[in-house]
Amino acid sequence: MKSRLKLLVAALGVGAIVLAGCSSGASAVETVAPATAAEMIVQETDEVVLDIRTPEEFSQGVIEGAINIDFYASDFADRLDALDKDAHYVVYCRSGNRSGQARATFAKLGFTNVTEIQGGIANWYNSGLPLVLP
């Protein structure tokens, strides 16, 4: 009985090591409150602010410096794939739905540092944070 238990513990240990090794290349996507995202944008100089709303939505007001890649465009994944996977991206949509769905695309493409704004640009605006016209 003791030897079976030792084998089980050893097997679980090896399994944990294998799983840890497999996850080392996983993307890092976090969701933060608008105020936290605003601090990141002010403090960092090399992040890319990425608005994944439609061009029509984008034209109505954006977070300063944002670039637009339409989540609904047929080439959305291709346009993301052309970006630097190791850069820091601060991503938002209107309410958080599309950016939440886009998490899987970022992960599949190998992005390593993506910050999603919780509640999207609506939550940003409702938090009293500024918007600009593109």
C-alpha atoms as a PDB file:
ATOM      1  CA  MET A   1       0.000   0.000   0.000  1.00  0.00           C
ATOM      2  CA  LYS A   2       2.830   2.409   0.890  1.00  0.00           C
ATOM      3  CA  SER A   3       4.627   1.697  -2.389  1.00  0.00           C
ATOM      4  CA  ARG A   4       1.449   2.419  -4.384  1.00  0.00           C
ATOM      5  CA  LEU A   5       1.044   5.698  -2.541  1.00  0.00           C
ATOM      6  CA  LYS A   6       4.673   6.629  -3.258  1.00  0.00           C
ATOM      7  CA  LEU A   7       4.177   5.815  -6.958  1.00  0.00           C
ATOM      8  CA  LEU A   8       1.032   7.926  -7.085  1.00  0.00           C
ATOM      9  CA  VAL A   9       2.744  10.878  -5.403  1.00  0.00           C
ATOM     10  CA  ALA A  10       5.735  10.548  -7.760  1.00  0.00           C
ATOM     11  CA  ALA A  11       3.464  10.382 -10.810  1.00  0.00           C
ATOM     12  CA  LEU A  12       1.548  13.467  -9.680  1.00  0.00           C
ATOM     13  CA  GLY A  13       4.823  15.315  -9.160  1.00  0.00           C
ATOM     14  CA  VAL A  14       6.060  14.456 -12.661  1.00  0.00           C
ATOM     15  CA  GLY A  15       2.691  15.451 -14.107  1.00  0.00           C
ATOM     16  CA  ALA A  16       2.851  18.823 -12.371  1.00  0.00           C
ATOM     17  CA  ILE A  17       6.355  19.447 -13.731  1.00  0.00           C
ATOM     18  CA  VAL A  18       5.259  18.536 -17.261  1.00  0.00           C
ATOM     19  CA  LEU A  19       2.199  20.795 -17.058  1.00  0.00           C
ATOM     20  CA  ALA A  20       4.256  23.694 -15.704  1.00  0.00           C
ATOM     21  CA  GLY A  21       6.685  23.305 -18.581  1.00  0.00           C
ATOM     22  CA  CYS A  22       3.889  23.315 -21.134  1.00  0.00           C
ATOM     23  CA  SER A  23       2.348  26.507 -19.806  1.00  0.00           C
ATOM     24  CA  SER A  24       5.520  28.603 -19.852  1.00  0.00           C
ATOM     25  CA  GLY A  25       4.685  30.062 -23.282  1.00  0.00           C
ATOM     26  CA  ALA A  26       1.083  30.920 -22.472  1.00  0.00           C
ATOM     27  CA  SER A  27      -0.140  34.426 -23.088  1.00  0.00           C
ATOM     28  CA  ALA A  28      -0.634  36.783 -20.203  1.00  0.00           C
ATOM     29  CA  VAL A  29      -4.012  38.509 -20.449  1.00  0.00           C
ATOM     30  CA  GLU A  30      -5.301  40.419 -17.461  1.00  0.00           C
ATOM     31  CA  THR A  31      -8.423  42.503 -16.961  1.00  0.00           C
ATOM     32  CA  VAL A  32      -8.115  45.729 -15.000  1.00  0.00           C
ATOM     33  CA  ALA A  33     -10.369  48.589 -13.939  1.00  0.00           C
ATOM     34  CA  PRO A  34     -10.322  51.708 -16.123  1.00  0.00           C
ATOM     35  CA  ALA A  35      -8.405  53.746 -13.521  1.00  0.00           C
ATOM     36  CA  THR A  36      -5.662  51.102 -13.434  1.00  0.00           C
ATOM     37  CA  ALA A  37      -5.495  51.051 -17.236  1.00  0.00           C
ATOM     38  CA  ALA A  38      -5.287  54.860 -17.286  1.00  0.00           C
ATOM     39  CA  GLU A  39      -2.331  54.729 -14.885  1.00  0.00           C
ATOM     40  CA  MET A  40      -0.596  52.166 -17.105  1.00  0.00           C
ATOM     41  CA  ILE A  41      -1.117  54.329 -20.167  1.00  0.00           C
ATOM     42  CA  VAL A  42       0.329  57.395 -18.405  1.00  0.00           C
ATOM     43  CA  GLN A  43       3.259  55.584 -16.764  1.00  0.00           C
ATOM     44  CA  GLU A  44       4.369  53.438 -19.702  1.00  0.00           C
ATOM     45  CA  THR A  45       5.665  54.861 -22.944  1.00  0.00           C
ATOM     46  CA  ASP A  46       5.671  51.797 -25.156  1.00  0.00           C
ATOM     47  CA  GLU A  47       2.246  50.226 -24.752  1.00  0.00           C
ATOM     48  CA  VAL A  48      -0.175  50.086 -27.666  1.00  0.00           C
ATOM     49  CA  VAL A  49      -3.745  51.131 -26.945  1.00  0.00           C
ATOM     50  CA  LEU A  50      -5.930  48.948 -29.152  1.00  0.00           C
ATOM     51  CA  ASP A  51      -9.591  49.751 -29.797  1.00  0.00           C
ATOM     52  CA  ILE A  52     -11.389  46.746 -31.298  1.00  0.00           C
ATOM     53  CA  ARG A  53     -14.730  48.457 -31.947  1.00  0.00           C
ATOM     54  CA  THR A  54     -16.128  49.132 -35.414  1.00  0.00           C
ATOM     55  CA  PRO A  55     -14.789  52.138 -37.356  1.00  0.00           C
ATOM     56  CA  GLU A  56     -18.124  53.892 -36.773  1.00  0.00           C
ATOM     57  CA  GLU A  57     -17.833  53.423 -33.004  1.00  0.00           C
ATOM     58  CA  PHE A  58     -14.177  54.447 -33.130  1.00  0.00           C
ATOM     59  CA  SER A  59     -15.068  57.737 -34.867  1.00  0.00           C
ATOM     60  CA  GLN A  60     -17.305  58.740 -31.919  1.00  0.00           C
ATOM     61  CA  GLY A  61     -14.486  58.972 -29.369  1.00  0.00           C
ATOM     62  CA  VAL A  62     -11.427  56.996 -28.285  1.00  0.00           C
ATOM     63  CA  ILE A  63      -8.798  56.726 -25.628  1.00  0.00           C
ATOM     64  CA  GLU A  64      -6.007  59.050 -26.739  1.00  0.00           C
ATOM     65  CA  GLY A  65      -3.471  57.331 -28.993  1.00  0.00           C
ATOM     66  CA  ALA A  66      -5.644  54.293 -29.699  1.00  0.00           C
ATOM     67  CA  ILE A  67      -5.419  52.416 -32.965  1.00  0.00           C
ATOM     68  CA  ASN A  68      -8.435  50.635 -34.396  1.00  0.00           C
ATOM     69  CA  ILE A  69      -8.674  47.014 -35.479  1.00  0.00           C
ATOM     70  CA  ASP A  70     -12.314  46.030 -35.976  1.00  0.00           C
ATOM     71  CA  PHE A  71     -13.192  42.828 -34.091  1.00  0.00           C
ATOM     72  CA  TYR A  72     -15.913  42.074 -36.651  1.00  0.00           C
ATOM     73  CA  ALA A  73     -13.614  42.439 -39.690  1.00  0.00           C
ATOM     74  CA  SER A  74     -12.912  39.223 -41.566  1.00  0.00           C
ATOM     75  CA  ASP A  75      -9.165  39.880 -41.273  1.00  0.00           C
ATOM     76  CA  PHE A  76      -9.201  40.643 -37.509  1.00  0.00           C
ATOM     77  CA  ALA A  77      -6.949  37.706 -36.562  1.00  0.00           C
ATOM     78  CA  ASP A  78      -4.597  38.389 -39.492  1.00  0.00           C
ATOM     79  CA  ARG A  79      -4.242  42.046 -38.476  1.00  0.00           C
ATOM     80  CA  LEU A  80      -3.506  41.024 -34.877  1.00  0.00           C
ATOM     81  CA  ASP A  81      -1.047  38.401 -36.072  1.00  0.00           C
ATOM     82  CA  ALA A  82       0.952  41.125 -37.870  1.00  0.00           C
ATOM     83  CA  LEU A  83       1.571  42.936 -34.548  1.00  0.00           C
ATOM     84  CA  ASP A  84       4.547  42.482 -32.206  1.00  0.00           C
ATOM     85  CA  LYS A  85       3.526  39.620 -29.881  1.00  0.00           C
ATOM     86  CA  ASP A  86       5.796  40.823 -27.064  1.00  0.00           C
ATOM     87  CA  ALA A  87       4.588  44.444 -26.925  1.00  0.00           C
ATOM     88  CA  HIS A  88       2.164  45.512 -24.188  1.00  0.00           C
ATOM     89  CA  TYR A  89      -1.387  46.018 -25.494  1.00  0.00           C
ATOM     90  CA  VAL A  90      -4.163  47.785 -23.615  1.00  0.00           C
ATOM     91  CA  VAL A  91      -7.331  46.539 -25.320  1.00  0.00           C
ATOM     92  CA  TYR A  92     -10.911  47.699 -25.152  1.00  0.00           C
ATOM     93  CA  CYS A  93     -14.224  47.538 -26.974  1.00  0.00           C
ATOM     94  CA  ARG A  94     -17.555  49.159 -26.093  1.00  0.00           C
ATOM     95  CA  SER A  95     -18.596  47.128 -23.051  1.00  0.00           C
ATOM     96  CA  GLY A  96     -16.030  44.373 -22.597  1.00  0.00           C
ATOM     97  CA  ASN A  97     -17.869  41.685 -24.554  1.00  0.00           C
ATOM     98  CA  ARG A  98     -15.730  41.744 -27.714  1.00  0.00           C
ATOM     99  CA  SER A  99     -12.470  42.249 -25.834  1.00  0.00           C
ATOM    100  CA  GLY A 100     -13.404  39.286 -23.639  1.00  0.00           C
ATOM    101  CA  GLN A 101     -14.018  37.171 -26.720  1.00  0.00           C
ATOM    102  CA  ALA A 102     -10.758  38.387 -28.280  1.00  0.00           C
ATOM    103  CA  ARG A 103      -8.770  36.942 -25.369  1.00  0.00           C
ATOM    104  CA  ALA A 104      -8.804  33.541 -27.073  1.00  0.00           C
ATOM    105  CA  THR A 105      -7.436  35.046 -30.294  1.00  0.00           C
ATOM    106  CA  PHE A 106      -4.622  36.818 -28.435  1.00  0.00           C
ATOM    107  CA  ALA A 107      -3.751  33.568 -26.663  1.00  0.00           C
ATOM    108  CA  LYS A 108      -3.876  31.495 -29.861  1.00  0.00           C
ATOM    109  CA  LEU A 109      -1.575  33.961 -31.628  1.00  0.00           C
ATOM    110  CA  GLY A 110       0.966  33.941 -28.783  1.00  0.00           C
ATOM    111  CA  PHE A 111       0.636  37.446 -27.343  1.00  0.00           C
ATOM    112  CA  THR A 112       2.459  37.710 -24.026  1.00  0.00           C
ATOM    113  CA  ASN A 113       1.248  40.976 -22.446  1.00  0.00           C
ATOM    114  CA  VAL A 114      -2.359  42.060 -22.968  1.00  0.00           C
ATOM    115  CA  THR A 115      -4.378  44.190 -20.578  1.00  0.00           C
ATOM    116  CA  GLU A 116      -8.128  44.289 -21.120  1.00  0.00           C
ATOM    117  CA  ILE A 117     -10.063  47.286 -19.797  1.00  0.00           C
ATOM    118  CA  GLN A 118     -12.911  45.955 -17.654  1.00  0.00           C
ATOM    119  CA  GLY A 119     -16.271  47.124 -18.994  1.00  0.00           C
ATOM    120  CA  GLY A 120     -14.741  48.651 -22.115  1.00  0.00           C
ATOM    121  CA  ILE A 121     -14.859  52.274 -23.157  1.00  0.00           C
ATOM    122  CA  ALA A 122     -18.313  52.681 -21.594  1.00  0.00           C
ATOM    123  CA  ASN A 123     -16.857  51.917 -18.160  1.00  0.00           C
ATOM    124  CA  TRP A 124     -13.839  54.147 -18.946  1.00  0.00           C
ATOM    125  CA  TYR A 125     -16.166  57.070 -19.767  1.00  0.00           C
ATOM    126  CA  ASN A 126     -18.463  56.388 -16.799  1.00  0.00           C
ATOM    127  CA  SER A 127     -15.354  56.457 -14.567  1.00  0.00           C
ATOM    128  CA  GLY A 128     -14.781  60.070 -15.623  1.00  0.00           C
ATOM    129  CA  LEU A 129     -11.767  59.333 -17.808  1.00  0.00           C
ATOM    130  CA  PRO A 130     -11.205  61.378 -20.971  1.00  0.00           C
ATOM    131  CA  LEU A 131     -11.979  60.535 -24.574  1.00  0.00           C
ATOM    132  CA  VAL A 132     -10.734  62.274 -27.704  1.00  0.00           C
ATOM    133  CA  LEU A 133     -11.874  62.317 -31.301  1.00  0.00           C
ATOM    134  CA  PRO A 134      -9.582  60.308 -33.592  1.00  0.00           C
END
